């Protein structure tokens, strides 16, 4: 059997960020991805680094703040190793809020054409990037750091042995010192002996892109609880997203796109004339309490880092760091108590936002 220090299951942004962090610390790392790396939820995301979103569970605050602090070095490392730029596309956001709201005149000054009637807005120093820039650069960076990327290889089961693990795929068995389950929406399908599943399931998100012509222009992210608009430059604006508990269905529903477009146009009327240039759906890995699953998977040398729901892009750098610290036997830097695998939770996540 081929060997590595660590096998990471899953080649999305969490899996590759974990692998990159481990490889930079001297681990020999192999990533096993059932399809293509960065082709699922990571590719489908909007890319908002909304670390202080009031809709986030409070338990995410510490991990999100750590991740935001790590982001500049994270992107610099990816760019250096890959030779590809991952630019920050926007640096501020206008968000509906209660306390601390700006005047309607000020909001409209920042976003001409904004519909402010019946809404209050707050200004936030919140960045966004295009995840597809990461989809190109992060695999190259991981490979540049020495990570072996093995695509079209689904992890079926993991067996814990004395001081090692045995990972089975459809074609082979691989040996490693440790295994980390970063399989996203498919994490629960990885069989780990005598242990319950990872407690993660897919949550579908439909999203689309619109192109607007001058003089219409949006320079900042606009966000309400119902819809968000994320500029990507050149008049391209991403609009999303549904939250649907429909299993592994990735079909795009034209009615859902139309409804999102109508909500966006109600918020910022110039978007009504925008041309839909692309629509897609992704499968977010979600848990019943809306929090990630990070920590000891319940068997020796087996770990899990998944369930990041709508915050995979945001939380990737911090997740890589805390997993690396766990495997090194050191403090994870932030409390992971709320993210413990196998925790008892109540079903807090709504079945659909739209």
Protein backbone atom coordinates (compact mmCIF):
# COMPACT_ATOMS: atom_id res chain seq x y z
CA UNK A 1 0.00 0.00 0.00
CA UNK A 2 1.18 3.52 -0.76
CA UNK A 3 1.86 5.63 2.28
CA UNK A 4 1.60 9.25 3.42
CA UNK A 5 1.73 11.03 6.74
CA UNK A 6 -1.83 12.28 6.24
CA UNK A 7 -4.59 11.41 3.79
CA UNK A 8 -7.19 14.15 3.38
CA UNK A 9 -10.55 13.06 2.01
CA UNK A 10 -12.06 15.81 -0.11
CA UNK A 11 -10.51 18.34 -2.46
CA UNK A 12 -12.68 21.39 -1.81
CA UNK A 13 -11.45 24.57 -0.18
CA UNK A 14 -11.46 23.02 3.30
CA UNK A 15 -9.62 19.87 2.25
CA UNK A 16 -7.02 21.71 0.19
CA UNK A 17 -6.52 24.39 2.86
CA UNK A 18 -5.93 21.67 5.45
CA UNK A 19 -3.58 19.86 3.07
CA UNK A 20 -1.65 23.03 2.24
CA UNK A 21 -1.22 23.93 5.91
CA UNK A 22 -0.04 20.43 6.77
CA UNK A 23 2.36 20.23 3.83
CA UNK A 24 3.91 23.58 4.73
CA UNK A 25 4.56 22.14 8.20
CA UNK A 26 6.46 19.16 6.83
CA UNK A 27 3.73 16.51 6.53
CA UNK A 28 3.58 14.27 3.47
CA UNK A 29 -0.03 14.75 2.34
CA UNK A 30 -2.25 13.02 -0.19
CA UNK A 31 -5.71 14.37 -1.10
CA UNK A 32 -8.34 11.95 -2.39
CA UNK A 33 -11.19 13.67 -4.27
CA UNK A 34 -14.24 11.80 -5.61
CA UNK A 35 -14.51 14.10 -8.64
CA UNK A 36 -12.40 17.12 -9.52
CA UNK A 37 -10.77 19.31 -6.90
CA UNK A 38 -12.56 22.59 -6.11
CA UNK A 39 -15.50 21.64 -8.35
CA UNK A 40 -18.35 21.46 -5.85
CA UNK A 41 -19.42 23.96 -3.14
CA UNK A 42 -16.15 25.91 -3.42
CA UNK A 43 -16.72 26.60 -7.13
CA UNK A 44 -20.36 27.52 -6.55
CA UNK A 45 -19.83 29.98 -3.68
CA UNK A 46 -20.32 33.75 -3.74
CA UNK A 47 -17.06 34.54 -1.97
CA UNK A 48 -18.13 36.97 0.77
CA UNK A 49 -15.76 37.12 3.75
CA UNK A 50 -18.62 38.02 6.07
CA UNK A 51 -16.89 37.32 9.34
CA UNK A 52 -19.24 39.49 11.41
CA UNK A 53 -22.57 38.67 9.79
CA UNK A 54 -25.28 39.03 12.43
CA UNK A 55 -26.96 35.92 11.03
CA UNK A 56 -24.00 33.71 11.96
CA UNK A 57 -24.33 31.59 15.09
CA UNK A 58 -22.41 33.31 17.89
CA UNK A 59 -20.29 30.17 18.28
CA UNK A 60 -18.62 30.97 14.93
CA UNK A 61 -17.29 34.37 16.02
CA UNK A 62 -13.90 33.31 17.36
CA UNK A 63 -13.10 30.99 14.44
CA UNK A 64 -14.28 33.60 11.91
CA UNK A 65 -12.15 36.34 13.46
CA UNK A 66 -9.11 34.08 13.41
CA UNK A 67 -9.74 33.26 9.76
CA UNK A 68 -10.08 36.91 8.77
CA UNK A 69 -6.78 37.67 10.50
CA UNK A 70 -5.11 34.81 8.61
CA UNK A 71 -6.54 35.70 5.18
CA UNK A 72 -3.82 38.10 3.95
CA UNK A 73 -1.04 35.56 4.55
CA UNK A 74 -3.25 32.74 3.27
CA UNK A 75 -3.79 34.47 -0.08
CA UNK A 76 -0.16 35.59 -0.29
CA UNK A 77 0.99 31.99 0.21
CA UNK A 78 -1.41 30.69 -2.44
CA UNK A 79 -0.30 33.35 -4.92
CA UNK A 80 3.39 32.69 -4.27
CA UNK A 81 3.09 28.91 -4.65
CA UNK A 82 0.69 28.96 -7.61
CA UNK A 83 1.88 32.00 -9.55
CA UNK A 84 -1.79 33.00 -9.85
CA UNK A 85 -3.37 36.11 -8.37
CA UNK A 86 -6.41 35.86 -6.12
CA UNK A 87 -7.53 39.49 -5.87
CA UNK A 88 -9.94 40.95 -3.35
CA UNK A 89 -12.86 42.08 -5.53
CA UNK A 90 -14.68 44.33 -3.06
CA UNK A 91 -13.74 45.66 0.37
CA UNK A 92 -17.01 47.00 1.77
CA UNK A 93 -20.62 45.93 2.06
CA UNK A 94 -23.96 47.65 2.58
CA UNK A 95 -26.15 45.46 4.75
CA UNK A 96 -29.67 45.83 6.10
CA UNK A 97 -29.55 46.28 9.86
CA UNK A 98 -31.27 47.79 12.87
CA UNK A 99 -28.94 49.61 15.22
CA UNK A 100 -26.29 51.95 13.86
CA UNK A 101 -28.02 52.53 10.55
CA UNK A 102 -26.93 55.33 8.21
CA UNK A 103 -29.32 57.79 6.66
CA UNK A 104 -31.16 56.89 3.48
CA UNK A 105 -29.34 59.73 1.70
CA UNK A 106 -25.95 58.35 2.69
CA UNK A 107 -26.90 54.81 1.63
CA UNK A 108 -28.09 56.05 -1.76
CA UNK A 109 -24.92 58.10 -2.16
CA UNK A 110 -22.84 54.97 -1.75
CA UNK A 111 -25.11 52.87 -4.00
CA UNK A 112 -27.01 55.09 -6.47
CA UNK A 113 -30.46 53.71 -7.21
CA UNK A 114 -30.71 51.77 -3.93
CA UNK A 115 -34.29 51.25 -2.71
CA UNK A 116 -34.18 52.45 0.90
CA UNK A 117 -37.89 52.77 1.72
CA UNK A 118 -38.72 50.55 4.67
CA UNK A 119 -35.08 49.49 5.07
CA UNK A 120 -32.17 50.59 7.22
CA UNK A 121 -28.59 50.00 6.10
CA UNK A 122 -25.22 49.70 7.82
CA UNK A 123 -21.78 50.06 6.25
CA UNK A 124 -19.32 47.25 6.91
CA UNK A 125 -15.62 46.86 6.06
CA UNK A 126 -16.22 43.41 4.58
CA UNK A 127 -14.23 41.92 1.70
CA UNK A 128 -15.22 39.54 -1.06
CA UNK A 129 -13.28 37.52 -3.62
CA UNK A 130 -14.15 35.38 -6.60
CA UNK A 131 -13.97 31.73 -5.48
CA UNK A 132 -13.17 30.70 -9.01
CA UNK A 133 -9.86 32.50 -8.67
CA UNK A 134 -9.22 30.21 -5.70
CA UNK A 135 -10.43 27.21 -7.69
CA UNK A 136 -7.57 27.81 -10.12
CA UNK A 137 -4.87 28.87 -7.70
CA UNK A 138 -5.35 26.71 -4.59
CA UNK A 139 -4.80 23.29 -6.26
CA UNK A 140 -1.64 24.65 -7.88
CA UNK A 141 -0.46 26.00 -4.54
CA UNK A 142 -1.13 22.72 -2.77
CA UNK A 143 0.75 20.79 -5.46
CA UNK A 144 3.56 23.34 -5.24
CA UNK A 145 3.82 22.65 -1.52
CA UNK A 146 4.20 18.92 -2.23
CA UNK A 147 0.61 17.72 -1.80
CA UNK A 148 -0.33 14.76 -4.00
CA UNK A 149 -3.76 15.42 -5.56
CA UNK A 150 -5.60 12.27 -6.58
CA UNK A 151 -8.88 13.01 -8.40
CA UNK A 152 -11.69 10.65 -9.38
CA UNK A 153 -10.95 8.70 -6.18
CA UNK A 154 -13.76 8.42 -3.66
CA UNK A 155 -13.00 7.48 -0.06
CA UNK A 156 -15.25 4.55 0.85
CA UNK A 157 -14.09 3.56 4.31
CA UNK A 158 -11.38 4.18 6.87
CA UNK A 159 -9.97 1.68 9.35
CA UNK A 160 -7.93 2.72 12.35
CA UNK A 161 -4.89 0.55 13.03
CA UNK A 162 -2.10 0.69 15.59
CA UNK A 163 -0.45 4.03 14.85
CA UNK A 164 -1.90 4.37 11.35
CA UNK A 165 -5.02 4.24 9.20
CA UNK A 166 -6.05 2.23 6.17
CA UNK A 167 -8.13 4.13 3.61
CA UNK A 168 -10.13 2.15 1.06
CA UNK A 169 -11.24 3.42 -2.33
CA UNK A 170 -12.90 1.57 -5.19
CA UNK A 171 -9.49 0.75 -6.70
CA UNK A 172 -7.02 0.45 -3.86
CA UNK A 173 -6.15 0.64 -0.19
CA UNK A 174 -3.82 3.34 1.06
CA UNK A 175 -1.94 3.60 4.32
CA UNK A 176 -1.23 6.81 6.23
CA UNK A 177 -0.44 8.04 9.69
CA UNK A 178 -3.74 9.92 9.92
CA UNK A 179 -6.93 10.61 7.99
CA UNK A 180 -8.92 13.85 7.87
CA UNK A 181 -12.50 13.75 6.54
CA UNK A 182 -13.03 16.97 4.57
CA UNK A 183 -15.52 15.44 2.15
CA UNK A 184 -18.05 18.26 2.43
CA UNK A 185 -21.63 17.32 1.61
CA UNK A 186 -20.46 13.71 1.13
CA UNK A 187 -18.67 13.45 4.51
CA UNK A 188 -21.37 11.24 6.03
CA UNK A 189 -20.83 8.62 3.32
CA UNK A 190 -17.31 7.84 4.53
CA UNK A 191 -17.54 4.69 6.66
CA UNK A 192 -15.49 4.84 9.85
CA UNK A 193 -15.55 1.64 11.87
CA UNK A 194 -17.91 1.59 14.84
CA UNK A 195 -18.57 5.32 14.61
CA UNK A 196 -21.70 7.28 13.61
CA UNK A 197 -21.59 9.32 10.41
CA UNK A 198 -20.21 12.85 10.39
CA UNK A 199 -23.72 14.31 10.78
CA UNK A 200 -23.46 16.36 7.58
CA UNK A 201 -25.91 16.57 4.72
CA UNK A 202 -26.15 18.57 1.47
CA UNK A 203 -27.97 21.91 1.41
CA UNK A 204 -28.57 23.10 -2.13
CA UNK A 205 -27.88 26.69 -3.08
CA UNK A 206 -28.98 28.14 -6.41
CA UNK A 207 -27.11 31.21 -7.62
CA UNK A 208 -26.68 33.12 -10.87
CA UNK A 209 -24.73 35.93 -12.49
CA UNK A 210 -26.10 39.03 -14.20
CA UNK A 211 -24.26 41.56 -16.36
CA UNK A 212 -25.33 45.20 -16.22
CA UNK A 213 -24.39 47.94 -18.67
CA UNK A 214 -23.17 51.45 -17.81
CA UNK A 215 -24.16 53.71 -16.24
CA UNK A 216 -25.42 51.03 -13.85
CA UNK A 217 -22.60 50.09 -11.52
CA UNK A 218 -22.32 48.34 -8.18
CA UNK A 219 -19.05 48.80 -6.29
CA UNK A 220 -19.97 47.10 -3.02
CA UNK A 221 -21.70 43.97 -1.80
CA UNK A 222 -25.40 44.47 -1.03
CA UNK A 223 -26.96 42.03 1.40
CA UNK A 224 -30.29 41.44 3.11
CA UNK A 225 -31.48 38.26 4.85
CA UNK A 226 -33.31 37.33 1.61
CA UNK A 227 -30.78 38.08 -1.13
CA UNK A 228 -27.23 39.22 -1.79
CA UNK A 229 -25.54 40.96 -4.73
CA UNK A 230 -21.78 40.50 -5.10
CA UNK A 231 -19.90 42.50 -7.79
CA UNK A 232 -17.17 40.68 -9.67
CA UNK A 233 -16.04 43.56 -11.89
CA UNK A 234 -16.82 44.47 -15.49
CA UNK A 235 -20.53 44.80 -14.75
CA UNK A 236 -20.82 41.18 -13.59
CA UNK A 237 -22.86 40.70 -10.42
CA UNK A 238 -23.53 37.41 -8.63
CA UNK A 239 -26.96 37.03 -7.02
CA UNK A 240 -27.95 34.38 -4.51
CA UNK A 241 -28.89 32.19 -2.96
CA UNK A 242 -31.49 29.60 -2.09
CA UNK A 243 -31.08 27.24 0.87
CA UNK A 244 -32.81 23.94 0.10
CA UNK A 245 -32.82 20.58 1.85
CA UNK A 246 -33.31 18.41 -1.23
CA UNK A 247 -30.51 15.88 -1.05
CA UNK A 248 -27.95 15.76 -3.83
CA UNK A 249 -30.13 17.49 -6.43
CA UNK A 250 -28.07 20.13 -8.28
CA UNK A 251 -30.64 21.10 -10.90
CA UNK A 252 -31.25 24.80 -11.46
CA UNK A 253 -34.89 25.87 -11.22
CA UNK A 254 -35.68 28.84 -13.49
CA UNK A 255 -38.46 29.93 -11.13
CA UNK A 256 -36.01 30.13 -8.23
CA UNK A 257 -33.67 32.25 -10.36
CA UNK A 258 -36.53 34.53 -11.34
CA UNK A 259 -37.55 34.96 -7.72
CA UNK A 260 -34.03 35.83 -6.65
CA UNK A 261 -33.74 38.26 -9.56
CA UNK A 262 -36.99 39.94 -8.48
CA UNK A 263 -35.77 40.24 -4.89
CA UNK A 264 -32.50 41.75 -6.12
CA UNK A 265 -34.35 44.22 -8.35
CA UNK A 266 -36.57 45.25 -5.45
CA UNK A 267 -33.43 46.07 -3.49
CA UNK A 268 -31.45 47.67 -6.33
CA UNK A 269 -33.75 48.44 -9.30
CA UNK A 270 -30.93 48.82 -11.92
CA UNK A 271 -30.35 45.06 -11.70
CA UNK A 272 -33.75 44.42 -13.29
CA UNK A 273 -32.32 45.23 -16.73
CA UNK A 274 -29.32 42.96 -16.21
CA UNK A 275 -28.83 39.96 -18.47
CA UNK A 276 -28.55 36.56 -16.82
CA UNK A 277 -25.31 35.13 -18.18
CA UNK A 278 -24.93 32.01 -16.02
CA UNK A 279 -26.82 30.07 -13.37
CA UNK A 280 -25.70 27.15 -11.24
CA UNK A 281 -26.27 25.25 -8.00
CA UNK A 282 -23.93 23.95 -5.35
CA UNK A 283 -24.27 21.58 -2.40
CA UNK A 284 -23.20 23.11 0.89
CA UNK A 285 -22.21 20.73 3.70
CA UNK A 286 -24.59 21.56 6.54
CA UNK A 287 -25.32 20.29 10.04
CA UNK A 288 -28.53 20.45 12.03
CA UNK A 289 -27.22 23.29 14.22
CA UNK A 290 -25.52 25.23 11.44
CA UNK A 291 -22.02 24.77 12.87
CA UNK A 292 -18.99 22.97 11.43
CA UNK A 293 -17.76 19.60 12.61
CA UNK A 294 -14.08 19.87 13.53
CA UNK A 295 -12.06 17.56 15.73
CA UNK A 296 -11.43 13.96 16.73
CA UNK A 297 -13.59 11.61 14.64
CA UNK A 298 -13.78 9.03 17.43
CA UNK A 299 -11.11 6.57 16.32
CA UNK A 300 -7.32 6.84 16.76
CA UNK A 301 -5.63 8.93 14.04
CA UNK A 302 -8.96 9.91 12.48
CA UNK A 303 -10.13 13.52 12.28
CA UNK A 304 -12.92 15.48 10.65
CA UNK A 305 -13.25 19.04 9.33
CA UNK A 306 -16.47 19.62 7.43
CA UNK A 307 -19.99 21.04 7.74
CA UNK A 308 -19.01 24.66 7.10
CA UNK A 309 -22.35 25.32 5.40
CA UNK A 310 -22.28 28.84 3.86
CA UNK A 311 -18.90 29.77 5.35
CA UNK A 312 -16.36 27.46 3.75
CA UNK A 313 -14.55 30.25 1.89
CA UNK A 314 -14.47 32.42 5.01
CA UNK A 315 -13.34 29.72 7.44
CA UNK A 316 -10.79 27.88 5.29
CA UNK A 317 -7.57 29.47 6.62
CA UNK A 318 -8.53 29.02 10.28
CA UNK A 319 -9.73 25.47 9.71
CA UNK A 320 -6.41 24.59 8.10
CA UNK A 321 -4.56 26.02 11.09
CA UNK A 322 -6.61 24.32 13.81
CA UNK A 323 -6.50 20.93 12.08
CA UNK A 324 -2.74 21.20 11.70
CA UNK A 325 -2.44 22.03 15.41
CA UNK A 326 -4.66 19.09 16.35
CA UNK A 327 -2.50 16.68 14.36
CA UNK A 328 0.61 18.14 15.97
CA UNK A 329 -0.89 17.64 19.41
CA UNK A 330 -0.91 21.35 20.26
CA UNK A 331 -3.63 23.80 21.26
CA UNK A 332 -5.96 24.61 18.35
CA UNK A 333 -5.74 28.37 19.19
CA UNK A 334 -9.54 28.74 19.49
CA UNK A 335 -12.17 26.72 21.32
CA UNK A 336 -13.58 23.89 19.23
CA UNK A 337 -16.12 22.78 21.83
CA UNK A 338 -19.11 23.95 19.79
CA UNK A 339 -17.85 22.02 16.75
CA UNK A 340 -17.26 18.67 18.46
CA UNK A 341 -18.06 15.62 16.30
CA UNK A 342 -20.95 13.60 17.68
CA UNK A 343 -22.35 16.50 19.68
CA UNK A 344 -26.03 16.49 20.61
CA UNK A 345 -27.91 19.18 18.71
CA UNK A 346 -31.44 20.31 18.02
CA UNK A 347 -32.66 20.90 14.51
CA UNK A 348 -32.16 24.67 14.20
CA UNK A 349 -31.73 25.01 10.44
CA UNK A 350 -34.79 26.00 8.45
CA UNK A 351 -35.67 23.74 5.54
CA UNK A 352 -35.54 26.60 3.05
CA UNK A 353 -34.81 30.31 2.99
CA UNK A 354 -36.68 30.90 -0.26
